[in-house]
Amino acid sequence: MGGGKQGRGGGKSTSKAMKEDLSTSKTFTLNSVKGATIRLRAALFNEDGSDKDVTATLAPFMKFDRNGLDVELEFFAGSDLPTALSDFAIDLTRDNMEAVYDSSGYGWDDMDKMDEICEGASRFLVIRQKGGDNNLVGFVHFRFTLSGEVREEMAGEPTLLVFDIQLQPEVQRKGLGKHVMQCLELIGRGQKMTYLMAPIVNGNECALGLFNSKLKGFEADTSNDPDGEHRQVYVKCIDKQFKAKQESELKAKSDVASLAMQIAAMTAKGVISKPKAATSPKKAAKGKKTKTASPTSAADPPAAPQEAQ
């Protein structure tokens, strides 16, 4: 997949700053997103501060034995990833993605990719083929963060952000990529994330085919990514309550806009007349004089009663 921070160059990345806050102090705070930080901390750490295994309850999904494959998935926190596995991840990503990165204009850089993979806040699923000595066939690199990280802002909703799904050529196009994304969705739901997001470098036809035809519920959201000329960000809302609230708000706005258009159209056709301005009491008094009987003077004597005949 490979749509991380490759080719940005210079300075400290937002995710690296986040790693220092989360992995070192584990007491990070983000103004105005207190609820989001609570969910992120719960996804990253156990109550004793140790790294959390977010796959502990997903044993049935941590294997794939279809289409001639028999593989197992193993979870690692970034701080626990052995050097041999980080080297494997970088080498496989280079083999699969260097040409794609360069052709997209995004640019490949070994050191940038190494920094990205070795961040303590990173999380991994390492994929092994059962049997044999050299049995590593792929890996997944993801992170719990905020949706704004794709535009280098620490803002937005709690999100599981997928940086890489890299597979050896011999295990590609056999349903493993789709299975891995389904596992990530289960992880995201279990950790109460709002979104599942995946940046994809332009030209990565394998990943684009997966998201456009094999997976359900994802939408390309280039408006949320300032680097859209080099990559696309695919997004899926995995929080049912949040999605229902969003849909309700959108429907309400749509209904109001539709009603306003209907009223404007009926007014233009003369079906509805524009309301006339109300006339003030003073203007009414000037416009029409009312004739009133003159009151009886107090000096006038009362009329004598008529004598009965």
Protein backbone atom coordinates (compact mmCIF):
# COMPACT_ATOMS: atom_id res chain seq x y z
CA MET A 1 0.00 0.00 0.00
CA GLY A 2 2.71 2.41 1.06
CA GLY A 3 1.08 5.78 1.54
CA GLY A 4 2.86 7.02 4.63
CA LYS A 5 5.10 10.01 5.00
CA GLN A 6 7.69 9.04 2.37
CA GLY A 7 9.31 11.90 0.54
CA ARG A 8 8.29 14.66 2.91
CA GLY A 9 11.85 15.20 4.10
CA GLY A 10 13.19 17.54 6.77
CA GLY A 11 11.86 18.32 10.21
CA LYS A 12 10.11 16.10 12.71
CA SER A 13 6.99 14.39 11.43
CA THR A 14 3.73 14.69 13.32
CA SER A 15 3.70 10.95 13.96
CA LYS A 16 7.25 11.07 15.35
CA ALA A 17 6.26 13.80 17.76
CA MET A 18 3.28 11.68 18.71
CA LYS A 19 5.55 8.69 19.32
CA GLU A 20 7.60 10.70 21.79
CA ASP A 21 4.47 11.82 23.62
CA LEU A 22 2.85 8.38 23.70
CA SER A 23 5.74 5.95 23.99
CA THR A 24 7.94 7.93 26.38
CA SER A 25 5.70 9.86 28.75
CA LYS A 26 2.42 8.05 28.00
CA THR A 27 0.66 11.09 29.46
CA PHE A 28 0.16 13.16 26.31
CA THR A 29 -2.62 15.73 26.17
CA LEU A 30 -4.22 17.35 23.16
CA ASN A 31 -6.32 20.43 23.76
CA SER A 32 -9.94 20.13 22.68
CA VAL A 33 -9.70 16.38 21.97
CA LYS A 34 -9.71 14.98 25.50
CA GLY A 35 -12.20 12.22 24.67
CA ALA A 36 -10.13 11.18 21.66
CA THR A 37 -6.92 10.95 23.69
CA ILE A 38 -8.62 8.69 26.22
CA ARG A 39 -9.60 6.28 23.46
CA LEU A 40 -6.14 6.40 21.90
CA ARG A 41 -4.44 5.68 25.20
CA ALA A 42 -6.80 2.75 25.80
CA ALA A 43 -5.90 1.35 22.37
CA LEU A 44 -2.18 1.75 22.89
CA PHE A 45 -1.57 0.80 26.52
CA ASN A 46 -2.74 -1.51 29.24
CA GLU A 47 -3.60 -0.08 32.66
CA ASP A 48 -0.05 -0.74 33.87
CA GLY A 49 1.40 1.29 30.97
CA SER A 50 2.64 -1.69 28.95
CA ASP A 51 1.92 -1.91 25.22
CA LYS A 52 -1.47 -3.45 24.51
CA ASP A 53 -1.96 -6.50 22.30
CA VAL A 54 -5.04 -5.40 20.35
CA THR A 55 -5.36 -8.83 18.72
CA ALA A 56 -5.70 -10.78 21.99
CA THR A 57 -9.41 -11.47 21.40
CA LEU A 58 -9.13 -12.10 17.65
CA ALA A 59 -7.41 -15.51 17.56
CA PRO A 60 -9.79 -17.01 14.93
CA PHE A 61 -8.96 -14.17 12.52
CA MET A 62 -5.19 -14.32 12.99
CA LYS A 63 -4.80 -16.99 10.35
CA PHE A 64 -5.67 -17.44 6.69
CA ASP A 65 -5.81 -20.90 5.09
CA ARG A 66 -7.52 -20.45 1.74
CA ASN A 67 -6.50 -20.33 -1.93
CA GLY A 68 -3.39 -22.39 -1.38
CA LEU A 69 -2.16 -20.30 1.55
CA ASP A 70 -1.71 -21.31 5.16
CA VAL A 71 -0.43 -18.27 7.03
CA GLU A 72 -0.52 -16.85 10.55
CA LEU A 73 -0.58 -13.22 11.71
CA GLU A 74 1.43 -12.12 14.74
CA PHE A 75 1.08 -8.77 16.52
CA PHE A 76 4.00 -6.54 17.52
CA ALA A 77 4.18 -3.10 19.11
CA GLY A 78 6.77 -0.89 17.43
CA SER A 79 9.04 -0.84 20.47
CA ASP A 80 9.10 -4.66 20.50
CA LEU A 81 9.67 -5.30 16.80
CA PRO A 82 12.92 -7.28 16.40
CA THR A 83 15.60 -5.79 14.16
CA ALA A 84 15.34 -8.73 11.77
CA LEU A 85 11.65 -8.00 11.24
CA SER A 86 12.13 -4.24 10.78
CA ASP A 87 14.84 -4.99 8.20
CA PHE A 88 12.49 -7.41 6.44
CA ALA A 89 9.72 -4.78 6.42
CA ILE A 90 11.96 -2.09 4.92
CA ASP A 91 13.43 -4.45 2.30
CA LEU A 92 10.03 -5.78 1.21
CA THR A 93 8.55 -2.28 1.01
CA ARG A 94 11.48 -1.12 -1.11
CA ASP A 95 11.11 -4.09 -3.45
CA ASN A 96 7.37 -3.57 -3.85
CA MET A 97 7.12 0.22 -3.77
CA GLU A 98 10.30 2.06 -4.76
CA ALA A 99 9.37 2.32 -8.44
CA VAL A 100 5.79 3.29 -7.58
CA TYR A 101 6.93 6.02 -5.16
CA ASP A 102 9.35 7.45 -7.69
CA SER A 103 6.89 7.40 -10.60
CA SER A 104 4.18 9.08 -8.50
CA GLY A 105 6.49 11.97 -7.64
CA TYR A 106 6.27 11.05 -3.99
CA GLY A 107 9.90 9.92 -3.90
CA TRP A 108 11.52 6.96 -2.16
CA ASP A 109 13.94 7.43 0.74
CA ASP A 110 15.32 4.56 2.84
CA MET A 111 15.85 6.70 5.94
CA ASP A 112 12.35 8.20 5.87
CA LYS A 113 10.80 4.74 5.60
CA MET A 114 13.05 3.41 8.35
CA ASP A 115 12.06 6.27 10.69
CA GLU A 116 8.41 5.65 9.89
CA ILE A 117 8.57 1.91 10.58
CA CYS A 118 10.73 2.17 13.70
CA GLU A 119 8.54 4.66 15.55
CA GLY A 120 7.51 3.33 18.96
CA ALA A 121 3.84 4.21 18.36
CA SER A 122 3.74 1.93 15.30
CA ARG A 123 1.89 -1.36 15.42
CA PHE A 124 2.48 -4.39 13.19
CA LEU A 125 0.96 -7.62 12.01
CA VAL A 126 3.75 -9.90 10.75
CA ILE A 127 2.56 -12.59 8.33
CA ARG A 128 4.28 -15.99 8.25
CA GLN A 129 3.73 -18.99 6.03
CA LYS A 130 3.49 -22.17 8.10
CA GLY A 131 6.46 -24.50 7.69
CA GLY A 132 9.90 -23.79 6.26
CA ASP A 133 12.74 -21.65 7.53
CA ASN A 134 12.33 -18.48 5.47
CA ASN A 135 8.62 -18.19 6.16
CA LEU A 136 8.05 -14.41 6.29
CA VAL A 137 5.63 -13.46 3.52
CA GLY A 138 4.36 -10.01 4.51
CA PHE A 139 3.56 -7.41 7.14
CA VAL A 140 1.06 -4.71 8.03
CA HIS A 141 2.10 -1.37 9.54
CA PHE A 142 -0.60 0.70 11.25
CA ARG A 143 -1.05 3.25 13.97
CA PHE A 144 -3.70 4.56 16.36
CA THR A 145 -3.84 8.30 15.86
CA LEU A 146 -6.15 11.18 14.95
CA SER A 147 -7.65 11.58 11.49
CA GLY A 148 -5.82 14.88 11.03
CA GLU A 149 -2.45 13.15 10.88
CA VAL A 150 -2.86 12.62 7.13
CA ARG A 151 -2.58 16.40 6.79
CA GLU A 152 0.01 16.64 9.59
CA GLU A 153 -2.42 18.06 12.15
CA MET A 154 -3.05 16.58 15.59
CA ALA A 155 -6.81 17.01 15.33
CA GLY A 156 -9.90 15.07 14.38
CA GLU A 157 -11.40 11.74 15.38
CA PRO A 158 -9.64 8.60 16.75
CA THR A 159 -8.46 6.64 13.74
CA LEU A 160 -6.69 3.43 12.80
CA LEU A 161 -4.33 4.63 10.07
CA VAL A 162 -2.89 1.96 7.77
CA PHE A 163 0.55 2.88 6.45
CA ASP A 164 1.54 -0.32 4.69
CA ILE A 165 0.23 -3.72 3.68
CA GLN A 166 3.15 -5.38 1.94
CA LEU A 167 3.04 -8.98 0.68
CA GLN A 168 5.53 -11.16 -1.16
CA PRO A 169 4.53 -11.58 -4.85
CA GLU A 170 3.75 -15.29 -4.40
CA VAL A 171 0.99 -14.61 -1.83
CA GLN A 172 -0.63 -11.66 -3.61
CA ARG A 173 -4.04 -11.78 -5.34
CA LYS A 174 -5.23 -14.68 -3.20
CA GLY A 175 -7.53 -12.83 -0.81
CA LEU A 176 -4.93 -12.23 1.89
CA GLY A 177 -4.97 -8.45 1.53
CA LYS A 178 -8.75 -8.34 1.91
CA HIS A 179 -8.55 -10.61 4.97
CA VAL A 180 -5.93 -8.36 6.56
CA MET A 181 -8.09 -5.26 6.04
CA GLN A 182 -11.04 -7.06 7.64
CA CYS A 183 -8.81 -7.87 10.63
CA LEU A 184 -7.81 -4.21 10.89
CA GLU A 185 -11.45 -3.17 10.83
CA LEU A 186 -12.19 -5.58 13.69
CA ILE A 187 -9.24 -4.15 15.62
CA GLY A 188 -10.43 -0.60 14.99
CA ARG A 189 -13.97 -1.36 16.11
CA GLY A 190 -12.72 -3.19 19.19
CA GLN A 191 -10.59 -0.20 20.19
CA LYS A 192 -13.46 2.26 19.59
CA MET A 193 -11.89 4.07 16.66
CA THR A 194 -14.10 6.30 14.53
CA TYR A 195 -12.34 5.83 11.19
CA LEU A 196 -10.25 3.30 9.31
CA MET A 197 -7.98 5.22 6.91
CA ALA A 198 -5.41 4.18 4.33
CA PRO A 199 -3.27 6.55 2.21
CA ILE A 200 -2.43 4.96 -1.17
CA VAL A 201 0.29 6.26 -3.47
CA ASN A 202 -0.92 7.01 -7.00
CA GLY A 203 0.11 4.22 -9.33
CA ASN A 204 -0.25 1.46 -6.75
CA GLU A 205 -2.74 -0.42 -8.90
CA CYS A 206 -2.87 -3.49 -6.66
CA ALA A 207 -3.97 -1.45 -3.62
CA LEU A 208 -6.32 0.74 -5.65
CA GLY A 209 -7.99 -2.38 -7.04
CA LEU A 210 -8.43 -3.75 -3.52
CA PHE A 211 -10.12 -0.61 -2.20
CA ASN A 212 -12.18 0.13 -5.28
CA SER A 213 -13.56 -3.35 -5.96
CA LYS A 214 -12.91 -5.77 -3.09
CA LEU A 215 -13.65 -3.76 0.07
CA LYS A 216 -16.97 -2.22 1.09
CA GLY A 217 -17.64 1.13 2.70
CA PHE A 218 -14.45 2.96 1.72
CA GLU A 219 -14.45 6.31 -0.04
CA ALA A 220 -11.59 8.27 -1.57
CA ASP A 221 -11.24 11.50 0.39
CA THR A 222 -8.67 13.65 -1.41
CA SER A 223 -10.21 16.79 0.09
CA ASN A 224 -8.83 15.74 3.47
CA ASP A 225 -5.27 15.34 2.18
CA PRO A 226 -3.12 18.24 0.93
CA ASP A 227 -0.84 15.71 -0.79
CA GLY A 228 -3.62 14.47 -3.06
CA GLU A 229 -1.56 14.93 -6.23
CA HIS A 230 0.69 12.06 -5.11
CA ARG A 231 -1.72 9.83 -3.21
CA GLN A 232 -5.34 9.22 -2.26
CA VAL A 233 -6.69 8.66 1.22
CA TYR A 234 -9.39 6.00 1.52
CA VAL A 235 -11.69 6.36 4.54
CA LYS A 236 -14.34 4.23 6.20
CA CYS A 237 -16.36 5.24 9.25
CA ILE A 238 -16.44 2.22 11.60
CA ASP A 239 -18.27 3.85 14.52
CA LYS A 240 -21.98 3.13 13.97
CA GLN A 241 -23.23 5.82 16.37
CA PHE A 242 -20.94 8.48 14.91
CA LYS A 243 -21.98 7.49 11.38
CA ALA A 244 -25.68 7.61 12.27
CA LYS A 245 -25.23 11.07 13.79
CA GLN A 246 -23.38 12.29 10.70
CA GLU A 247 -26.05 10.90 8.38
CA SER A 248 -28.80 12.49 10.48
CA GLU A 249 -27.10 15.90 10.37
CA LEU A 250 -26.52 15.64 6.63
CA LYS A 251 -30.15 14.65 6.04
CA ALA A 252 -31.38 17.59 8.12
CA LYS A 253 -29.23 20.02 6.13
CA SER A 254 -30.38 18.45 2.88
CA ASP A 255 -34.05 18.69 3.91
CA VAL A 256 -33.69 22.37 4.82
CA ALA A 257 -31.93 23.14 1.53
CA SER A 258 -34.58 21.21 -0.45
CA LEU A 259 -37.43 23.04 1.29
CA ALA A 260 -35.80 26.41 0.63
CA MET A 261 -35.49 25.55 -3.07
CA GLN A 262 -39.14 24.47 -3.25
CA ILE A 263 -40.33 27.70 -1.61
CA ALA A 264 -38.18 29.78 -3.97
CA ALA A 265 -39.56 27.94 -7.01
CA MET A 266 -43.19 28.32 -5.88
CA THR A 267 -42.65 32.00 -5.15
CA ALA A 268 -41.17 32.54 -8.61
CA LYS A 269 -44.27 30.90 -10.18
CA GLY A 270 -46.60 33.01 -8.10
CA VAL A 271 -48.01 30.04 -6.23
CA ILE A 272 -46.84 31.67 -3.03
CA SER A 273 -46.96 35.46 -2.70
CA LYS A 274 -44.36 37.34 -0.80
CA PRO A 275 -45.69 38.52 2.57
CA LYS A 276 -46.53 42.25 2.72
CA ALA A 277 -44.94 44.40 5.33
CA ALA A 278 -47.23 45.05 8.31
CA THR A 279 -48.68 48.59 8.62
CA SER A 280 -47.83 50.38 11.85
CA PRO A 281 -50.63 51.81 14.04
CA LYS A 282 -49.49 55.40 13.45
CA LYS A 283 -49.66 55.00 9.67
CA ALA A 284 -53.14 53.51 9.99
CA ALA A 285 -54.26 56.52 12.02
CA LYS A 286 -53.00 58.93 9.36
CA GLY A 287 -54.51 57.00 6.51
CA LYS A 288 -58.13 56.95 7.78
CA LYS A 289 -59.93 59.27 10.16
CA THR A 290 -62.73 57.82 12.22
CA LYS A 291 -65.81 59.92 13.10
CA THR A 292 -66.79 59.83 16.76
CA ALA A 293 -69.76 61.36 18.59
CA SER A 294 -68.94 64.41 20.65
CA PRO A 295 -69.26 63.77 24.34
CA THR A 296 -72.03 65.51 26.34
CA SER A 297 -70.81 68.58 28.16
CA ALA A 298 -70.94 68.46 31.89
CA ALA A 299 -72.73 71.85 31.83
CA ASP A 300 -75.65 70.61 29.74
CA PRO A 301 -78.72 69.76 31.81
CA PRO A 302 -79.96 66.21 31.62
CA ALA A 303 -82.96 65.60 29.40
CA ALA A 304 -86.29 65.63 31.22
CA PRO A 305 -88.07 62.31 31.36
CA GLN A 306 -91.10 62.03 29.11
CA GLU A 307 -94.34 62.20 31.08
CA ALA A 308 -96.54 59.24 30.65
CA GLN A 309 -99.80 59.93 28.77
